[in-house]
Amino acid sequence: MKYTFAKKMASTIVLALTLATTWQVSAKDISQTQLQQIMKNDKQVVVLDVRTVEEFEEGHIPNAVNIPHKELEARLAELTGAKNTQVVIYCRSGRRAEVAREVLVKNGFNELDHLSGDFNEWSSNNLPTKTGK
C-alpha cells in the first residue's frame, strides 16, 4: 500500500514539474507594437525569422536572423549566445514558429516570444521591412 502511494506521488510530482517547466519556457505572444518598442529601445533581442530563405529575401523585419525551421536544429550553434536572451520568433502565419519554439525549448532556450500575427500582419500593417539578406 505504501509503495503504491509513493509511486503515485512520484508520478504526480514528475508530471507537475514537467508542466511547470513547459509553462515557464512556452512562448508568449507579443504584439507588433511591443516588438517595435523593444527594437526602438535597443533592448537586446534576437528576432528569429523561421521562414524559407526565399521568403526572407522577399521581405523581412529589419535585423531579423533567418534560420528556416527545418534547419534550426542543425544550425543552433548560430544562436548559442542567445540562450538567455529574448528571442522573438515569427514565420508567415504561425505554424512554423511553433515548430521552431519546440526545438528551442528542447535545446535550453528560456526567453521565447512569438510575434502575434507573424509576418502576414507585420506587412499588412505596412511596418518597416527589408529585402534581400
C-alpha atoms as a PDB file:
ATOM      1  CA  MET A   1       0.000   0.000   0.000  1.00  0.00           C
ATOM      2  CA  LYS A   2       2.757   2.456   0.964  1.00  0.00           C
ATOM      3  CA  TYR A   3       4.681   1.594  -2.218  1.00  0.00           C
ATOM      4  CA  THR A   4       1.641   2.299  -4.432  1.00  0.00           C
ATOM      5  CA  PHE A   5       1.016   5.632  -2.718  1.00  0.00           C
ATOM      6  CA  ALA A   6       4.684   6.620  -3.039  1.00  0.00           C
ATOM      7  CA  LYS A   7       4.691   5.632  -6.696  1.00  0.00           C
ATOM      8  CA  LYS A   8       1.548   7.724  -7.388  1.00  0.00           C
ATOM      9  CA  MET A   9       3.044  10.692  -5.532  1.00  0.00           C
ATOM     10  CA  ALA A  10       6.277  10.418  -7.510  1.00  0.00           C
ATOM     11  CA  SER A  11       4.322  10.289 -10.769  1.00  0.00           C
ATOM     12  CA  THR A  12       2.291  13.330  -9.757  1.00  0.00           C
ATOM     13  CA  ILE A  13       5.418  15.291  -8.865  1.00  0.00           C
ATOM     14  CA  VAL A  14       7.105  14.408 -12.166  1.00  0.00           C
ATOM     15  CA  LEU A  15       4.001  15.478 -14.076  1.00  0.00           C
ATOM     16  CA  ALA A  16       3.773  18.755 -12.139  1.00  0.00           C
ATOM     17  CA  LEU A  17       7.442  19.542 -12.775  1.00  0.00           C
ATOM     18  CA  THR A  18       7.076  18.755 -16.465  1.00  0.00           C
ATOM     19  CA  LEU A  19       4.067  21.035 -16.789  1.00  0.00           C
ATOM     20  CA  ALA A  20       5.757  23.811 -14.804  1.00  0.00           C
ATOM     21  CA  THR A  21       8.890  23.614 -16.967  1.00  0.00           C
ATOM     22  CA  THR A  22       6.882  23.660 -20.170  1.00  0.00           C
ATOM     23  CA  TRP A  23       4.827  26.610 -18.962  1.00  0.00           C
ATOM     24  CA  GLN A  24       7.918  28.600 -17.979  1.00  0.00           C
ATOM     25  CA  VAL A  25       9.521  28.326 -21.393  1.00  0.00           C
ATOM     26  CA  SER A  26       6.473  28.423 -23.606  1.00  0.00           C
ATOM     27  CA  ALA A  27       6.475  31.378 -25.932  1.00  0.00           C
ATOM     28  CA  LYS A  28       4.045  34.122 -25.100  1.00  0.00           C
ATOM     29  CA  ASP A  29       2.626  36.249 -27.861  1.00  0.00           C
ATOM     30  CA  ILE A  30       3.889  39.786 -28.133  1.00  0.00           C
ATOM     31  CA  SER A  31       2.222  42.363 -30.317  1.00  0.00           C
ATOM     32  CA  GLN A  32       3.641  44.118 -33.336  1.00  0.00           C
ATOM     33  CA  THR A  33       3.739  47.314 -31.263  1.00  0.00           C
ATOM     34  CA  GLN A  34       5.608  45.619 -28.421  1.00  0.00           C
ATOM     35  CA  LEU A  35       8.265  44.326 -30.810  1.00  0.00           C
ATOM     36  CA  GLN A  36       8.666  47.759 -32.366  1.00  0.00           C
ATOM     37  CA  GLN A  37       9.128  49.237 -28.890  1.00  0.00           C
ATOM     38  CA  ILE A  38      11.712  46.611 -27.938  1.00  0.00           C
ATOM     39  CA  MET A  39      13.641  47.258 -31.148  1.00  0.00           C
ATOM     40  CA  LYS A  40      13.367  51.035 -30.739  1.00  0.00           C
ATOM     41  CA  ASN A  41      14.764  50.887 -27.203  1.00  0.00           C
ATOM     42  CA  ASP A  42      17.776  48.854 -28.379  1.00  0.00           C
ATOM     43  CA  LYS A  43      16.943  46.142 -25.890  1.00  0.00           C
ATOM     44  CA  GLN A  44      18.967  43.007 -26.544  1.00  0.00           C
ATOM     45  CA  VAL A  45      16.670  40.808 -28.580  1.00  0.00           C
ATOM     46  CA  VAL A  46      17.039  38.251 -31.342  1.00  0.00           C
ATOM     47  CA  VAL A  47      14.279  38.448 -33.927  1.00  0.00           C
ATOM     48  CA  LEU A  48      14.213  34.982 -35.496  1.00  0.00           C
ATOM     49  CA  ASP A  49      12.547  34.527 -38.873  1.00  0.00           C
ATOM     50  CA  VAL A  50      11.982  30.811 -39.475  1.00  0.00           C
ATOM     51  CA  ARG A  51      10.591  31.109 -42.999  1.00  0.00           C
ATOM     52  CA  THR A  52      12.463  29.879 -46.071  1.00  0.00           C
ATOM     53  CA  VAL A  53      15.432  31.817 -47.426  1.00  0.00           C
ATOM     54  CA  GLU A  54      13.334  32.835 -50.443  1.00  0.00           C
ATOM     55  CA  GLU A  55      10.530  34.224 -48.268  1.00  0.00           C
ATOM     56  CA  PHE A  56      13.068  36.047 -46.110  1.00  0.00           C
ATOM     57  CA  GLU A  57      14.746  37.674 -49.121  1.00  0.00           C
ATOM     58  CA  GLU A  58      11.364  38.855 -50.449  1.00  0.00           C
ATOM     59  CA  GLY A  59      10.841  40.819 -47.226  1.00  0.00           C
ATOM     60  CA  HIS A  60      11.569  40.550 -43.513  1.00  0.00           C
ATOM     61  CA  ILE A  61      11.699  42.536 -40.308  1.00  0.00           C
ATOM     62  CA  PRO A  62      14.882  44.640 -40.221  1.00  0.00           C
ATOM     63  CA  ASN A  63      17.757  42.984 -38.318  1.00  0.00           C
ATOM     64  CA  ALA A  64      15.965  39.633 -38.226  1.00  0.00           C
ATOM     65  CA  VAL A  65      18.049  36.459 -38.315  1.00  0.00           C
ATOM     66  CA  ASN A  66      16.868  33.883 -40.836  1.00  0.00           C
ATOM     67  CA  ILE A  67      17.131  30.219 -39.938  1.00  0.00           C
ATOM     68  CA  PRO A  68      14.415  28.189 -41.669  1.00  0.00           C
ATOM     69  CA  HIS A  69      12.519  26.000 -39.207  1.00  0.00           C
ATOM     70  CA  LYS A  70      13.625  22.804 -40.978  1.00  0.00           C
ATOM     71  CA  GLU A  71      17.293  23.800 -40.499  1.00  0.00           C
ATOM     72  CA  LEU A  72      17.023  25.140 -36.961  1.00  0.00           C
ATOM     73  CA  GLU A  73      18.167  22.038 -35.086  1.00  0.00           C
ATOM     74  CA  ALA A  74      21.275  21.726 -37.287  1.00  0.00           C
ATOM     75  CA  ARG A  75      22.079  25.452 -37.031  1.00  0.00           C
ATOM     76  CA  LEU A  76      21.584  26.015 -33.298  1.00  0.00           C
ATOM     77  CA  ALA A  77      25.245  26.985 -32.944  1.00  0.00           C
ATOM     78  CA  GLU A  78      24.362  30.257 -34.675  1.00  0.00           C
ATOM     79  CA  LEU A  79      22.178  31.110 -31.655  1.00  0.00           C
ATOM     80  CA  THR A  80      24.393  29.877 -28.795  1.00  0.00           C
ATOM     81  CA  GLY A  81      24.770  33.369 -27.349  1.00  0.00           C
ATOM     82  CA  ALA A  82      21.003  33.800 -27.277  1.00  0.00           C
ATOM     83  CA  LYS A  83      20.010  31.041 -24.821  1.00  0.00           C
ATOM     84  CA  ASN A  84      19.335  33.604 -22.079  1.00  0.00           C
ATOM     85  CA  THR A  85      18.372  36.453 -24.388  1.00  0.00           C
ATOM     86  CA  GLN A  86      14.873  37.340 -25.504  1.00  0.00           C
ATOM     87  CA  VAL A  87      14.154  35.576 -28.794  1.00  0.00           C
ATOM     88  CA  VAL A  88      11.097  36.666 -30.771  1.00  0.00           C
ATOM     89  CA  ILE A  89      10.105  34.007 -33.289  1.00  0.00           C
ATOM     90  CA  TYR A  90       7.981  34.583 -36.371  1.00  0.00           C
ATOM     91  CA  CYS A  91       7.107  32.952 -39.657  1.00  0.00           C
ATOM     92  CA  ARG A  92       4.406  33.766 -42.193  1.00  0.00           C
ATOM     93  CA  SER A  93       1.372  32.752 -40.173  1.00  0.00           C
ATOM     94  CA  GLY A  94       2.451  30.885 -37.005  1.00  0.00           C
ATOM     95  CA  ARG A  95       2.737  27.161 -37.690  1.00  0.00           C
ATOM     96  CA  ARG A  96       6.469  27.081 -38.378  1.00  0.00           C
ATOM     97  CA  ALA A  97       7.132  29.427 -35.456  1.00  0.00           C
ATOM     98  CA  GLU A  98       5.553  26.860 -33.128  1.00  0.00           C
ATOM     99  CA  VAL A  99       7.772  24.097 -34.537  1.00  0.00           C
ATOM    100  CA  ALA A 100      10.803  26.346 -34.006  1.00  0.00           C
ATOM    101  CA  ARG A 101       9.705  27.137 -30.453  1.00  0.00           C
ATOM    102  CA  GLU A 102       9.609  23.421 -29.636  1.00  0.00           C
ATOM    103  CA  VAL A 103      13.161  22.966 -30.979  1.00  0.00           C
ATOM    104  CA  LEU A 104      14.446  25.937 -28.983  1.00  0.00           C
ATOM    105  CA  VAL A 105      12.745  24.823 -25.753  1.00  0.00           C
ATOM    106  CA  LYS A 106      14.206  21.342 -26.156  1.00  0.00           C
ATOM    107  CA  ASN A 107      17.649  22.921 -26.503  1.00  0.00           C
ATOM    108  CA  GLY A 108      17.527  25.117 -23.415  1.00  0.00           C
ATOM    109  CA  PHE A 109      16.299  28.486 -24.680  1.00  0.00           C
ATOM    110  CA  ASN A 110      14.159  30.076 -21.999  1.00  0.00           C
ATOM    111  CA  GLU A 111      13.169  33.603 -23.065  1.00  0.00           C
ATOM    112  CA  LEU A 112      10.986  32.904 -26.060  1.00  0.00           C
ATOM    113  CA  ASP A 113       8.264  35.082 -27.503  1.00  0.00           C
ATOM    114  CA  HIS A 114       6.101  34.677 -30.580  1.00  0.00           C
ATOM    115  CA  LEU A 115       5.234  37.667 -32.750  1.00  0.00           C
ATOM    116  CA  SER A 116       1.458  37.837 -32.790  1.00  0.00           C
ATOM    117  CA  GLY A 117       0.180  37.843 -36.359  1.00  0.00           C
ATOM    118  CA  ASP A 118       3.624  36.870 -37.664  1.00  0.00           C
ATOM    119  CA  PHE A 119       4.915  38.430 -40.885  1.00  0.00           C
ATOM    120  CA  ASN A 120       1.477  38.486 -42.535  1.00  0.00           C
ATOM    121  CA  GLU A 121       0.244  41.031 -40.002  1.00  0.00           C
ATOM    122  CA  TRP A 122       3.553  42.921 -39.920  1.00  0.00           C
ATOM    123  CA  SER A 123       3.468  43.512 -43.677  1.00  0.00           C
ATOM    124  CA  SER A 124      -0.284  44.189 -43.817  1.00  0.00           C
ATOM    125  CA  ASN A 125       0.243  46.922 -41.201  1.00  0.00           C
ATOM    126  CA  ASN A 126       2.882  48.463 -43.503  1.00  0.00           C
ATOM    127  CA  LEU A 127       5.554  48.188 -40.816  1.00  0.00           C
ATOM    128  CA  PRO A 128       9.217  48.511 -41.850  1.00  0.00           C
ATOM    129  CA  THR A 129      10.618  45.662 -43.898  1.00  0.00           C
ATOM    130  CA  LYS A 130      13.878  44.930 -45.619  1.00  0.00           C
ATOM    131  CA  THR A 131      14.501  42.850 -48.739  1.00  0.00           C
ATOM    132  CA  GLY A 132      17.496  40.685 -49.566  1.00  0.00           C
ATOM    133  CA  LYS A 133      19.727  39.076 -46.989  1.00  0.00           C
END
